[in-house]
Structure formats: C-alpha cells, structure tokens
Amino acid sequence: MPQPPHISRLPVPPESRLDADMRQYFDLCREKLGLLPNVLAALSYKPARLRNFVNTYNEIMLGKDSRLSRLEREMIAVVVSSHNRCYYCLVAHGQAVRELSGDPELGEMLVMNYRVAELPKRQRAMLDYAWKLTATPAEVGEVDRQALRKAGFDDGDIFDIGEVTGLFNLSNRMAMTLDMMPNREYHAMHRVAAPARRSGRRRRG
C-alpha cells in the first residue's frame, strides 16, 4: 500500500518563486541525491524560512567542525524522531543511517527501539542523552553531562549532541504540522547490507 500522495498539507509553491541560488540548490540536490527531498519543497511555502533551514541543517548535520561523525548525527536524528513518532524523519533519516552504516538492520533498530542495538558504549550514551533530552528535557542535568564525559565526549561534543537533538525536535514538529510525506524512493534504498562494513562494527556495551 503506498503512502498518501501529497508532499505537504499546505500548498507547495512553484520553484520559480524561489531566488536563483535556491533554485540552483534544488538542482544540486537532484544531481547529487537523485531526488529533491520533500522537506525542501514543503518548506518553500515560506522561502525565507527555507533558506534558514538549509543553512542551519547543513551547518549542524554536515559541518566539519564537529567531532561527531555524520553517521552519529543521523543516529541522533532517528532516535529523536523515534520518540516523537515523526514519519517523515524516520523514513528519510532511517535511510541515511542505512546508507552511512552499510547496515540496514541498524537503521531498523534505531527506528523501532535503539536499545536493541548492541552499540559501543560511546554511542549508547549519546543516544540515551538524546532520548532523555527529547522525552523529559526538564530532568536533564549535570549527571547526564557527566555520563557523556565518562563515555569519552568533551564539552564541544556535548554542545553538538544537544544541538542535533534540538534541531530534530524542531524538524519533527514542523513535519507533523505540515503532515509531510517522505520521498517514496527512500523506502527501498540501501536495504542490502554492505558486508565489508559490518564485521566488527558492533559490540555489546
């Protein structure tokens, strides 16, 4: 059964309304990804907000000044979205975890229940923090930051973990407000494991 056919419950304006640099960015996405992520089309309802989102997302999720790997940032995105039950982000970022890890099983475990995954202690502590910050933010305190430090994270890493977690709590709520549907292509992508990248990756922690 296919998902609903809409991109957003609010109107998606024609790309001709966008500034030239945003139109070029859309073309670049199609060239590099093979598709235009529906989130970009949906957020183009307010072009200035779209520009802010693109700049913020690229800095937080793709920026080079973080010690968190791209995979770790995507793992946080999925775990936050799992708590919030955000369909768009679970599909889109679950695909990113499958691609970056080469492990479709990891992607599914993070979507359903990250505690099932036999992750390194460092990543488990990171995801425990992201889950708590999402589920019960008023209960986060110094003991939680110390748990991250004990797992090997420094203060800059703690900043980045909080920032990624915050970004996806915002993104989840916007996706739900707009009832955004993910690109259907994501469902089938990277469902086959990459054997060379699986061995030795996980250990019980």
N, C-alpha and C. Protein backbone atom coordinates (compact mmCIF):
# COMPACT_ATOMS: atom_id res chain seq x y z
N MET A 1 0.84 -1.19 0.00
CA MET A 1 0.00 0.00 0.00
C MET A 1 0.88 1.24 0.00
N PRO A 2 0.72 2.13 -0.96
CA PRO A 2 1.55 3.34 -0.98
C PRO A 2 1.11 4.34 0.08
N GLN A 3 2.05 5.17 0.47
CA GLN A 3 1.74 6.24 1.41
C GLN A 3 0.89 7.29 0.71
N PRO A 4 0.26 8.20 1.45
CA PRO A 4 -0.51 9.28 0.82
C PRO A 4 0.34 10.04 -0.20
N PRO A 5 -0.28 10.52 -1.27
CA PRO A 5 0.50 11.09 -2.38
C PRO A 5 0.97 12.52 -2.19
N HIS A 6 0.48 13.22 -1.17
CA HIS A 6 0.83 14.63 -1.04
C HIS A 6 2.26 14.80 -0.49
N ILE A 7 2.83 15.97 -0.70
CA ILE A 7 4.11 16.35 -0.10
C ILE A 7 3.86 17.06 1.22
N SER A 8 2.92 17.98 1.23
CA SER A 8 2.58 18.77 2.40
C SER A 8 1.09 19.08 2.34
N ARG A 9 0.47 19.27 3.51
CA ARG A 9 -0.94 19.66 3.54
C ARG A 9 -1.12 21.14 3.25
N LEU A 10 -0.04 21.91 3.26
CA LEU A 10 -0.09 23.30 2.81
C LEU A 10 0.41 23.35 1.38
N PRO A 11 0.05 24.39 0.63
CA PRO A 11 0.45 24.45 -0.77
C PRO A 11 1.97 24.42 -0.95
N VAL A 12 2.41 23.72 -1.97
CA VAL A 12 3.82 23.71 -2.37
C VAL A 12 3.95 24.64 -3.57
N PRO A 13 4.58 25.79 -3.39
CA PRO A 13 4.63 26.77 -4.48
C PRO A 13 5.56 26.33 -5.60
N PRO A 14 5.39 26.88 -6.79
CA PRO A 14 6.31 26.56 -7.88
C PRO A 14 7.73 27.03 -7.57
N GLU A 15 8.70 26.29 -8.03
CA GLU A 15 10.09 26.66 -7.75
C GLU A 15 10.47 28.01 -8.35
N SER A 16 9.72 28.45 -9.34
CA SER A 16 10.01 29.74 -9.96
C SER A 16 9.88 30.90 -8.98
N ARG A 17 9.20 30.66 -7.85
CA ARG A 17 9.07 31.71 -6.83
C ARG A 17 10.35 31.89 -6.02
N LEU A 18 11.22 30.92 -6.07
CA LEU A 18 12.43 30.95 -5.25
C LEU A 18 13.50 31.83 -5.89
N ASP A 19 14.40 32.32 -5.05
CA ASP A 19 15.56 33.05 -5.57
C ASP A 19 16.44 32.10 -6.38
N ALA A 20 17.26 32.68 -7.23
CA ALA A 20 18.06 31.87 -8.14
C ALA A 20 18.98 30.91 -7.41
N ASP A 21 19.57 31.35 -6.28
CA ASP A 21 20.50 30.46 -5.59
C ASP A 21 19.78 29.27 -4.98
N MET A 22 18.53 29.45 -4.54
CA MET A 22 17.77 28.33 -4.00
C MET A 22 17.35 27.36 -5.12
N ARG A 23 17.02 27.90 -6.28
CA ARG A 23 16.71 27.03 -7.42
C ARG A 23 17.94 26.21 -7.80
N GLN A 24 19.11 26.85 -7.76
CA GLN A 24 20.34 26.12 -8.04
C GLN A 24 20.61 25.05 -6.99
N TYR A 25 20.29 25.37 -5.74
CA TYR A 25 20.46 24.38 -4.66
C TYR A 25 19.54 23.19 -4.89
N PHE A 26 18.32 23.42 -5.30
CA PHE A 26 17.40 22.32 -5.61
C PHE A 26 17.98 21.46 -6.73
N ASP A 27 18.52 22.10 -7.76
CA ASP A 27 19.12 21.34 -8.87
C ASP A 27 20.31 20.52 -8.39
N LEU A 28 21.10 21.10 -7.49
CA LEU A 28 22.26 20.38 -6.95
C LEU A 28 21.81 19.15 -6.16
N CYS A 29 20.75 19.29 -5.39
CA CYS A 29 20.21 18.15 -4.64
C CYS A 29 19.79 17.04 -5.60
N ARG A 30 19.10 17.40 -6.65
CA ARG A 30 18.66 16.39 -7.62
C ARG A 30 19.86 15.70 -8.26
N GLU A 31 20.90 16.49 -8.54
CA GLU A 31 22.10 15.92 -9.17
C GLU A 31 22.83 14.97 -8.23
N LYS A 32 22.99 15.35 -6.97
CA LYS A 32 23.79 14.56 -6.04
C LYS A 32 22.99 13.44 -5.38
N LEU A 33 21.72 13.66 -5.12
CA LEU A 33 20.91 12.69 -4.39
C LEU A 33 20.01 11.87 -5.30
N GLY A 34 19.81 12.35 -6.50
CA GLY A 34 18.89 11.67 -7.41
C GLY A 34 17.44 12.03 -7.14
N LEU A 35 17.20 12.97 -6.25
CA LEU A 35 15.85 13.42 -5.91
C LEU A 35 15.94 14.74 -5.16
N LEU A 36 14.81 15.41 -5.07
CA LEU A 36 14.71 16.61 -4.25
C LEU A 36 13.97 16.21 -2.97
N PRO A 37 14.64 16.25 -1.81
CA PRO A 37 13.94 15.88 -0.58
C PRO A 37 12.65 16.70 -0.40
N ASN A 38 11.58 16.00 -0.10
CA ASN A 38 10.29 16.67 0.01
C ASN A 38 10.27 17.76 1.07
N VAL A 39 11.13 17.65 2.08
CA VAL A 39 11.17 18.69 3.11
C VAL A 39 11.49 20.05 2.49
N LEU A 40 12.33 20.07 1.49
CA LEU A 40 12.69 21.34 0.87
C LEU A 40 11.51 21.93 0.10
N ALA A 41 10.80 21.07 -0.61
CA ALA A 41 9.61 21.55 -1.32
C ALA A 41 8.57 22.05 -0.34
N ALA A 42 8.37 21.32 0.77
CA ALA A 42 7.36 21.71 1.75
C ALA A 42 7.70 23.05 2.41
N LEU A 43 8.97 23.23 2.77
CA LEU A 43 9.37 24.45 3.46
C LEU A 43 9.46 25.65 2.53
N SER A 44 9.43 25.41 1.22
CA SER A 44 9.45 26.54 0.29
C SER A 44 8.16 27.34 0.34
N TYR A 45 7.16 26.86 1.09
CA TYR A 45 5.94 27.65 1.35
C TYR A 45 6.32 29.04 1.87
N LYS A 46 7.38 29.10 2.69
CA LYS A 46 7.94 30.39 3.14
C LYS A 46 9.42 30.39 2.76
N PRO A 47 9.77 30.99 1.61
CA PRO A 47 11.13 30.90 1.10
C PRO A 47 12.21 31.36 2.07
N ALA A 48 11.93 32.40 2.87
CA ALA A 48 12.95 32.86 3.82
C ALA A 48 13.21 31.80 4.88
N ARG A 49 12.16 31.10 5.33
CA ARG A 49 12.33 30.02 6.31
C ARG A 49 13.10 28.87 5.69
N LEU A 50 12.83 28.60 4.42
CA LEU A 50 13.56 27.55 3.71
C LEU A 50 15.05 27.84 3.71
N ARG A 51 15.42 29.06 3.39
CA ARG A 51 16.84 29.43 3.37
C ARG A 51 17.47 29.24 4.75
N ASN A 52 16.75 29.67 5.80
CA ASN A 52 17.27 29.49 7.16
C ASN A 52 17.45 28.02 7.48
N PHE A 53 16.48 27.21 7.09
CA PHE A 53 16.55 25.77 7.36
C PHE A 53 17.74 25.14 6.65
N VAL A 54 17.93 25.45 5.39
CA VAL A 54 19.03 24.87 4.61
C VAL A 54 20.36 25.23 5.25
N ASN A 55 20.54 26.50 5.60
CA ASN A 55 21.81 26.93 6.20
C ASN A 55 22.04 26.25 7.55
N THR A 56 21.00 26.20 8.38
CA THR A 56 21.13 25.60 9.71
C THR A 56 21.36 24.10 9.61
N TYR A 57 20.58 23.44 8.78
CA TYR A 57 20.71 21.99 8.63
C TYR A 57 22.11 21.62 8.14
N ASN A 58 22.57 22.30 7.10
CA ASN A 58 23.88 21.96 6.54
C ASN A 58 25.01 22.21 7.53
N GLU A 59 24.89 23.25 8.33
CA GLU A 59 25.92 23.55 9.32
C GLU A 59 25.94 22.48 10.42
N ILE A 60 24.76 22.10 10.92
CA ILE A 60 24.70 21.17 12.04
C ILE A 60 24.94 19.74 11.61
N MET A 61 24.36 19.34 10.49
CA MET A 61 24.41 17.92 10.09
C MET A 61 25.59 17.59 9.19
N LEU A 62 26.11 18.56 8.46
CA LEU A 62 27.19 18.30 7.52
C LEU A 62 28.47 19.07 7.84
N GLY A 63 28.41 19.95 8.84
CA GLY A 63 29.56 20.79 9.15
C GLY A 63 30.79 19.99 9.57
N LYS A 64 31.96 20.52 9.27
CA LYS A 64 33.23 19.82 9.52
C LYS A 64 33.81 20.12 10.90
N ASP A 65 33.19 21.03 11.65
CA ASP A 65 33.78 21.43 12.92
C ASP A 65 33.28 20.59 14.10
N SER A 66 32.59 19.50 13.82
CA SER A 66 32.09 18.63 14.89
C SER A 66 32.88 17.33 14.90
N ARG A 67 33.14 16.81 16.08
CA ARG A 67 33.79 15.50 16.21
C ARG A 67 32.79 14.36 16.03
N LEU A 68 31.50 14.68 16.06
CA LEU A 68 30.50 13.65 15.79
C LEU A 68 30.55 13.30 14.31
N SER A 69 30.56 12.02 14.01
CA SER A 69 30.54 11.61 12.60
C SER A 69 29.17 11.91 12.00
N ARG A 70 29.12 11.91 10.68
CA ARG A 70 27.82 12.09 10.03
C ARG A 70 26.86 10.99 10.44
N LEU A 71 27.36 9.77 10.55
CA LEU A 71 26.50 8.66 10.98
C LEU A 71 25.96 8.92 12.38
N GLU A 72 26.80 9.36 13.29
CA GLU A 72 26.33 9.61 14.66
C GLU A 72 25.26 10.69 14.69
N ARG A 73 25.44 11.71 13.87
CA ARG A 73 24.41 12.76 13.83
C ARG A 73 23.10 12.22 13.28
N GLU A 74 23.20 11.36 12.27
CA GLU A 74 21.98 10.75 11.73
C GLU A 74 21.34 9.79 12.74
N MET A 75 22.16 9.10 13.51
CA MET A 75 21.63 8.22 14.54
C MET A 75 20.81 9.00 15.56
N ILE A 76 21.32 10.16 15.96
CA ILE A 76 20.56 11.01 16.88
C ILE A 76 19.25 11.43 16.23
N ALA A 77 19.32 11.83 14.96
CA ALA A 77 18.10 12.25 14.26
C ALA A 77 17.03 11.16 14.30
N VAL A 78 17.44 9.92 14.08
CA VAL A 78 16.47 8.82 14.06
C VAL A 78 15.92 8.54 15.45
N VAL A 79 16.77 8.56 16.46
CA VAL A 79 16.30 8.25 17.81
C VAL A 79 15.35 9.34 18.31
N VAL A 80 15.66 10.59 18.07
CA VAL A 80 14.73 11.67 18.42
C VAL A 80 13.40 11.47 17.69
N SER A 81 13.47 11.18 16.41
CA SER A 81 12.26 11.01 15.60
C SER A 81 11.48 9.77 16.02
N SER A 82 12.19 8.76 16.53
CA SER A 82 11.51 7.57 17.03
C SER A 82 10.66 7.92 18.24
N HIS A 83 11.23 8.68 19.17
CA HIS A 83 10.43 9.09 20.33
C HIS A 83 9.22 9.90 19.90
N ASN A 84 9.43 10.82 18.96
CA ASN A 84 8.35 11.72 18.53
C ASN A 84 7.41 11.09 17.51
N ARG A 85 7.78 9.91 17.01
CA ARG A 85 6.98 9.18 16.03
C ARG A 85 6.75 10.04 14.78
N CYS A 86 7.82 10.65 14.32
CA CYS A 86 7.75 11.50 13.13
C CYS A 86 7.99 10.66 11.88
N TYR A 87 6.94 10.41 11.15
CA TYR A 87 7.02 9.53 9.99
C TYR A 87 8.04 10.02 8.97
N TYR A 88 7.97 11.31 8.63
CA TYR A 88 8.88 11.82 7.61
C TYR A 88 10.34 11.56 7.99
N CYS A 89 10.71 11.98 9.19
CA CYS A 89 12.12 11.90 9.57
C CYS A 89 12.58 10.48 9.81
N LEU A 90 11.70 9.61 10.27
CA LEU A 90 12.09 8.21 10.45
C LEU A 90 12.41 7.57 9.11
N VAL A 91 11.60 7.86 8.10
CA VAL A 91 11.85 7.28 6.78
C VAL A 91 13.11 7.89 6.16
N ALA A 92 13.20 9.22 6.15
CA ALA A 92 14.31 9.89 5.47
C ALA A 92 15.64 9.65 6.18
N HIS A 93 15.66 9.77 7.49
CA HIS A 93 16.93 9.64 8.21
C HIS A 93 17.23 8.18 8.56
N GLY A 94 16.21 7.34 8.60
CA GLY A 94 16.47 5.91 8.68
C GLY A 94 17.23 5.44 7.45
N GLN A 95 16.87 5.98 6.29
CA GLN A 95 17.60 5.66 5.06
C GLN A 95 19.04 6.15 5.14
N ALA A 96 19.24 7.34 5.72
CA ALA A 96 20.60 7.86 5.84
C ALA A 96 21.46 6.98 6.74
N VAL A 97 20.88 6.47 7.83
CA VAL A 97 21.63 5.56 8.71
C VAL A 97 21.98 4.28 7.96
N ARG A 98 21.05 3.74 7.19
CA ARG A 98 21.35 2.53 6.42
C ARG A 98 22.50 2.79 5.44
N GLU A 99 22.45 3.93 4.79
CA GLU A 99 23.48 4.25 3.79
C GLU A 99 24.85 4.45 4.43
N LEU A 100 24.91 5.25 5.48
CA LEU A 100 26.19 5.60 6.09
C LEU A 100 26.81 4.44 6.85
N SER A 101 25.98 3.58 7.43
CA SER A 101 26.49 2.45 8.21
C SER A 101 26.71 1.20 7.35
N GLY A 102 26.03 1.14 6.21
CA GLY A 102 26.07 -0.09 5.41
C GLY A 102 25.30 -1.22 6.06
N ASP A 103 24.44 -0.88 7.01
CA ASP A 103 23.78 -1.90 7.83
C ASP A 103 22.29 -1.59 7.92
N PRO A 104 21.45 -2.26 7.12
CA PRO A 104 20.02 -1.99 7.17
C PRO A 104 19.40 -2.40 8.50
N GLU A 105 19.98 -3.38 9.18
CA GLU A 105 19.43 -3.80 10.46
C GLU A 105 19.59 -2.69 11.51
N LEU A 106 20.73 -2.01 11.49
CA LEU A 106 20.93 -0.91 12.42
C LEU A 106 19.88 0.16 12.18
N GLY A 107 19.64 0.49 10.93
CA GLY A 107 18.63 1.50 10.63
C GLY A 107 17.28 1.13 11.20
N GLU A 108 16.88 -0.14 11.08
CA GLU A 108 15.59 -0.57 11.58
C GLU A 108 15.55 -0.56 13.10
N MET A 109 16.64 -0.98 13.74
CA MET A 109 16.64 -0.99 15.20
C MET A 109 16.52 0.42 15.76
N LEU A 110 17.22 1.37 15.17
CA LEU A 110 17.13 2.74 15.67
C LEU A 110 15.74 3.31 15.46
N VAL A 111 15.10 2.95 14.37
CA VAL A 111 13.74 3.42 14.11
C VAL A 111 12.77 2.86 15.15
N MET A 112 12.91 1.57 15.45
CA MET A 112 11.94 0.89 16.32
C MET A 112 12.26 1.04 17.81
N ASN A 113 13.52 0.75 18.18
CA ASN A 113 13.93 0.77 19.59
C ASN A 113 15.44 0.70 19.64
N TYR A 114 16.09 1.83 19.79
CA TYR A 114 17.55 1.88 19.71
C TYR A 114 18.23 1.03 20.77
N ARG A 115 17.52 0.71 21.86
CA ARG A 115 18.13 -0.07 22.94
C ARG A 115 18.40 -1.52 22.54
N VAL A 116 17.77 -1.97 21.46
CA VAL A 116 18.01 -3.32 20.95
C VAL A 116 19.41 -3.43 20.35
N ALA A 117 19.91 -2.35 19.77
CA ALA A 117 21.18 -2.38 19.06
C ALA A 117 22.35 -2.52 20.04
N GLU A 118 23.27 -3.42 19.73
CA GLU A 118 24.46 -3.64 20.56
C GLU A 118 25.54 -2.64 20.14
N LEU A 119 25.38 -1.43 20.61
CA LEU A 119 26.24 -0.32 20.21
C LEU A 119 27.44 -0.18 21.12
N PRO A 120 28.50 0.45 20.64
CA PRO A 120 29.59 0.84 21.55
C PRO A 120 29.07 1.73 22.66
N LYS A 121 29.72 1.69 23.82
CA LYS A 121 29.26 2.46 24.97
C LYS A 121 29.13 3.95 24.64
N ARG A 122 30.06 4.44 23.83
CA ARG A 122 30.05 5.86 23.49
C ARG A 122 28.75 6.24 22.78
N GLN A 123 28.39 5.46 21.76
CA GLN A 123 27.18 5.78 21.01
C GLN A 123 25.92 5.54 21.83
N ARG A 124 25.94 4.52 22.69
CA ARG A 124 24.78 4.27 23.54
C ARG A 124 24.55 5.44 24.49
N ALA A 125 25.63 5.96 25.08
CA ALA A 125 25.49 7.12 25.97
C ALA A 125 24.95 8.32 25.20
N MET A 126 25.42 8.53 23.99
CA MET A 126 24.96 9.64 23.15
C MET A 126 23.46 9.54 22.89
N LEU A 127 23.00 8.34 22.55
CA LEU A 127 21.59 8.16 22.23
C LEU A 127 20.72 8.20 23.48
N ASP A 128 21.24 7.69 24.60
CA ASP A 128 20.50 7.81 25.85
C ASP A 128 20.26 9.28 26.19
N TYR A 129 21.28 10.10 25.98
CA TYR A 129 21.15 11.54 26.27
C TYR A 129 20.14 12.19 25.34
N ALA A 130 20.23 11.88 24.03
CA ALA A 130 19.31 12.47 23.06
C ALA A 130 17.87 12.07 23.37
N TRP A 131 17.67 10.82 23.78
CA TRP A 131 16.33 10.35 24.12
C TRP A 131 15.80 11.11 25.34
N LYS A 132 16.62 11.23 26.38
CA LYS A 132 16.17 11.91 27.60
C LYS A 132 15.90 13.38 27.34
N LEU A 133 16.77 14.03 26.57
CA LEU A 133 16.58 15.44 26.26
C LEU A 133 15.29 15.66 25.48
N THR A 134 14.89 14.66 24.71
CA THR A 134 13.65 14.73 23.95
C THR A 134 12.43 14.39 24.82
N ALA A 135 12.55 13.32 25.60
CA ALA A 135 11.40 12.81 26.34
C ALA A 135 11.11 13.59 27.61
N THR A 136 12.17 13.92 28.36
CA THR A 136 11.99 14.60 29.65
C THR A 136 13.06 15.68 29.80
N PRO A 137 13.00 16.73 29.00
CA PRO A 137 14.08 17.72 28.99
C PRO A 137 14.29 18.40 30.33
N ALA A 138 13.23 18.58 31.12
CA ALA A 138 13.38 19.26 32.41
C ALA A 138 14.19 18.44 33.41
N GLU A 139 14.36 17.14 33.13
CA GLU A 139 15.11 16.28 34.03
C GLU A 139 16.59 16.17 33.68
N VAL A 140 17.01 16.77 32.57
CA VAL A 140 18.41 16.73 32.17
C VAL A 140 19.23 17.63 33.08
N GLY A 141 20.34 17.10 33.57
CA GLY A 141 21.18 17.88 34.47
C GLY A 141 22.64 17.50 34.35
N GLU A 142 23.43 17.93 35.32
CA GLU A 142 24.87 17.72 35.26
C GLU A 142 25.23 16.24 35.27
N VAL A 143 24.44 15.43 35.95
CA VAL A 143 24.73 13.99 35.96
C VAL A 143 24.70 13.42 34.55
N ASP A 144 23.83 13.94 33.71
CA ASP A 144 23.73 13.46 32.32
C ASP A 144 24.93 13.93 31.50
N ARG A 145 25.37 15.16 31.72
CA ARG A 145 26.57 15.64 31.02
C ARG A 145 27.80 14.87 31.48
N GLN A 146 27.86 14.54 32.74
CA GLN A 146 28.98 13.75 33.23
C GLN A 146 28.98 12.35 32.63
N ALA A 147 27.81 11.79 32.42
CA ALA A 147 27.74 10.47 31.78
C ALA A 147 28.31 10.53 30.36
N LEU A 148 28.06 11.62 29.67
CA LEU A 148 28.63 11.79 28.33
C LEU A 148 30.15 11.93 28.41
N ARG A 149 30.62 12.70 29.37
CA ARG A 149 32.08 12.85 29.52
C ARG A 149 32.73 11.52 29.85
N LYS A 150 32.10 10.76 30.70
CA LYS A 150 32.63 9.44 31.06
C LYS A 150 32.70 8.52 29.84
N ALA A 151 31.79 8.71 28.90
CA ALA A 151 31.78 7.90 27.68
C ALA A 151 32.79 8.38 26.65
N GLY A 152 33.46 9.51 26.91
CA GLY A 152 34.51 9.98 26.01
C GLY A 152 34.20 11.25 25.26
N PHE A 153 33.08 11.89 25.55
CA PHE A 153 32.72 13.14 24.87
C PHE A 153 33.29 14.34 25.63
N ASP A 154 33.72 15.35 24.89
CA ASP A 154 34.16 16.59 25.53
C ASP A 154 33.04 17.62 25.47
N ASP A 155 33.30 18.81 25.99
CA ASP A 155 32.24 19.80 26.07
C ASP A 155 31.72 20.21 24.70
N GLY A 156 32.61 20.30 23.71
CA GLY A 156 32.17 20.61 22.36
C GLY A 156 31.24 19.54 21.81
N ASP A 157 31.53 18.28 22.11
CA ASP A 157 30.67 17.19 21.66
C ASP A 157 29.30 17.28 22.32
N ILE A 158 29.28 17.63 23.61
CA ILE A 158 28.00 17.75 24.32
C ILE A 158 27.16 18.85 23.68
N PHE A 159 27.80 19.96 23.34
CA PHE A 159 27.10 21.03 22.63
C PHE A 159 26.48 20.49 21.35
N ASP A 160 27.26 19.73 20.58
CA ASP A 160 26.79 19.23 19.28
C ASP A 160 25.67 18.21 19.45
N ILE A 161 25.76 17.34 20.43
CA ILE A 161 24.70 16.36 20.67
C ILE A 161 23.40 17.09 21.00
N GLY A 162 23.49 18.10 21.87
CA GLY A 162 22.30 18.88 22.20
C GLY A 162 21.73 19.61 21.01
N GLU A 163 22.62 20.12 20.16
CA GLU A 163 22.17 20.90 19.01
C GLU A 163 21.46 20.02 18.00
N VAL A 164 22.02 18.85 17.71
CA VAL A 164 21.36 17.93 16.77
C VAL A 164 20.01 17.48 17.34
N THR A 165 19.99 17.18 18.63
CA THR A 165 18.74 16.77 19.27
C THR A 165 17.70 17.89 19.16
N GLY A 166 18.10 19.12 19.43
CA GLY A 166 17.18 20.24 19.34
C GLY A 166 16.68 20.46 17.92
N LEU A 167 17.59 20.34 16.95
CA LEU A 167 17.20 20.53 15.55
C LEU A 167 16.10 19.56 15.16
N PHE A 168 16.23 18.30 15.58
CA PHE A 168 15.24 17.33 15.13
C PHE A 168 13.95 17.36 15.94
N ASN A 169 14.00 17.86 17.15
CA ASN A 169 12.72 18.11 17.82
C ASN A 169 11.95 19.20 17.10
N LEU A 170 12.65 20.22 16.62
CA LEU A 170 12.00 21.25 15.80
C LEU A 170 11.53 20.66 14.47
N SER A 171 12.41 19.96 13.78
CA SER A 171 12.06 19.43 12.46
C SER A 171 10.89 18.46 12.54
N ASN A 172 10.87 17.61 13.58
CA ASN A 172 9.77 16.67 13.74
C ASN A 172 8.44 17.42 13.85
N ARG A 173 8.43 18.47 14.63
CA ARG A 173 7.18 19.18 14.85
C ARG A 173 6.72 19.94 13.62
N MET A 174 7.66 20.44 12.83
CA MET A 174 7.27 21.07 11.57
C MET A 174 6.76 20.02 10.58
N ALA A 175 7.42 18.87 10.53
CA ALA A 175 6.97 17.81 9.63
C ALA A 175 5.56 17.37 9.99
N MET A 176 5.26 17.31 11.29
CA MET A 176 3.92 16.91 11.72
C MET A 176 2.90 18.02 11.45
N THR A 177 3.30 19.27 11.65
CA THR A 177 2.41 20.39 11.36
C THR A 177 1.98 20.37 9.90
N LEU A 178 2.93 20.10 9.02
CA LEU A 178 2.65 20.11 7.58
C LEU A 178 2.18 18.75 7.06
N ASP A 179 2.19 17.73 7.92
CA ASP A 179 1.88 16.35 7.50
C ASP A 179 2.72 15.98 6.28
N MET A 180 4.03 16.27 6.37
CA MET A 180 4.93 16.00 5.25
C MET A 180 5.06 14.51 5.00
N MET A 181 5.07 14.14 3.75
CA MET A 181 5.33 12.78 3.33
C MET A 181 6.76 12.68 2.78
N PRO A 182 7.52 11.66 3.17
CA PRO A 182 8.87 11.50 2.64
C PRO A 182 8.84 11.04 1.19
N ASN A 183 9.93 11.26 0.50
CA ASN A 183 10.06 10.74 -0.87
C ASN A 183 9.91 9.21 -0.84
N ARG A 184 9.08 8.68 -1.68
CA ARG A 184 8.83 7.24 -1.66
C ARG A 184 10.08 6.44 -1.97
N GLU A 185 11.02 7.04 -2.70
CA GLU A 185 12.26 6.34 -3.04
C GLU A 185 13.02 5.88 -1.81
N TYR A 186 12.91 6.65 -0.71
CA TYR A 186 13.67 6.31 0.50
C TYR A 186 13.36 4.90 1.01
N HIS A 187 12.12 4.48 0.84
CA HIS A 187 11.71 3.20 1.43
C HIS A 187 12.56 2.02 0.93
N ALA A 188 12.96 2.06 -0.32
CA ALA A 188 13.66 0.93 -0.92
C ALA A 188 15.18 1.07 -0.91
N MET A 189 15.68 2.22 -0.53
CA MET A 189 17.12 2.48 -0.67
C MET A 189 17.93 1.83 0.44
N HIS A 190 19.08 1.25 0.05
CA HIS A 190 20.08 0.70 0.98
C HIS A 190 19.51 -0.33 1.93
N ARG A 191 18.70 -1.22 1.37
CA ARG A 191 18.12 -2.31 2.15
C ARG A 191 19.02 -3.55 2.16
N VAL A 192 20.07 -3.54 1.36
CA VAL A 192 21.01 -4.67 1.30
C VAL A 192 22.27 -4.29 2.06
N ALA A 193 22.70 -5.17 2.97
CA ALA A 193 23.88 -4.88 3.79
C ALA A 193 25.14 -4.81 2.95
N ALA A 194 26.09 -4.00 3.43
CA ALA A 194 27.42 -3.93 2.83
C ALA A 194 28.34 -4.79 3.69
N PRO A 195 28.65 -6.04 3.30
CA PRO A 195 29.36 -6.97 4.19
C PRO A 195 30.69 -6.45 4.71
N ALA A 196 31.44 -5.72 3.88
CA ALA A 196 32.77 -5.29 4.30
C ALA A 196 32.69 -4.29 5.45
N ARG A 197 31.54 -3.65 5.65
CA ARG A 197 31.43 -2.63 6.68
C ARG A 197 30.72 -3.14 7.93
N ARG A 198 30.27 -4.41 7.91
CA ARG A 198 29.51 -4.92 9.03
C ARG A 198 30.38 -5.56 10.10
N SER A 199 31.40 -6.29 9.67
CA SER A 199 32.17 -7.09 10.63
C SER A 199 32.90 -6.19 11.61
N GLY A 200 32.75 -6.52 12.90
CA GLY A 200 33.47 -5.80 13.94
C GLY A 200 32.92 -4.45 14.29
N ARG A 201 31.78 -4.07 13.66
CA ARG A 201 31.27 -2.74 13.94
C ARG A 201 30.62 -2.64 15.30
N ARG A 202 29.88 -3.70 15.67
CA ARG A 202 29.11 -3.60 16.90
C ARG A 202 29.68 -4.50 17.97
N ARG A 203 29.58 -4.05 19.17
CA ARG A 203 29.95 -4.86 20.33
C ARG A 203 29.00 -4.49 21.46
N ARG A 204 28.84 -5.40 22.39
CA ARG A 204 27.92 -5.13 23.48
C ARG A 204 28.52 -4.08 24.40
N GLY A 205 27.72 -3.08 24.77
CA GLY A 205 28.21 -2.03 25.64
C GLY A 205 27.22 -1.68 26.71
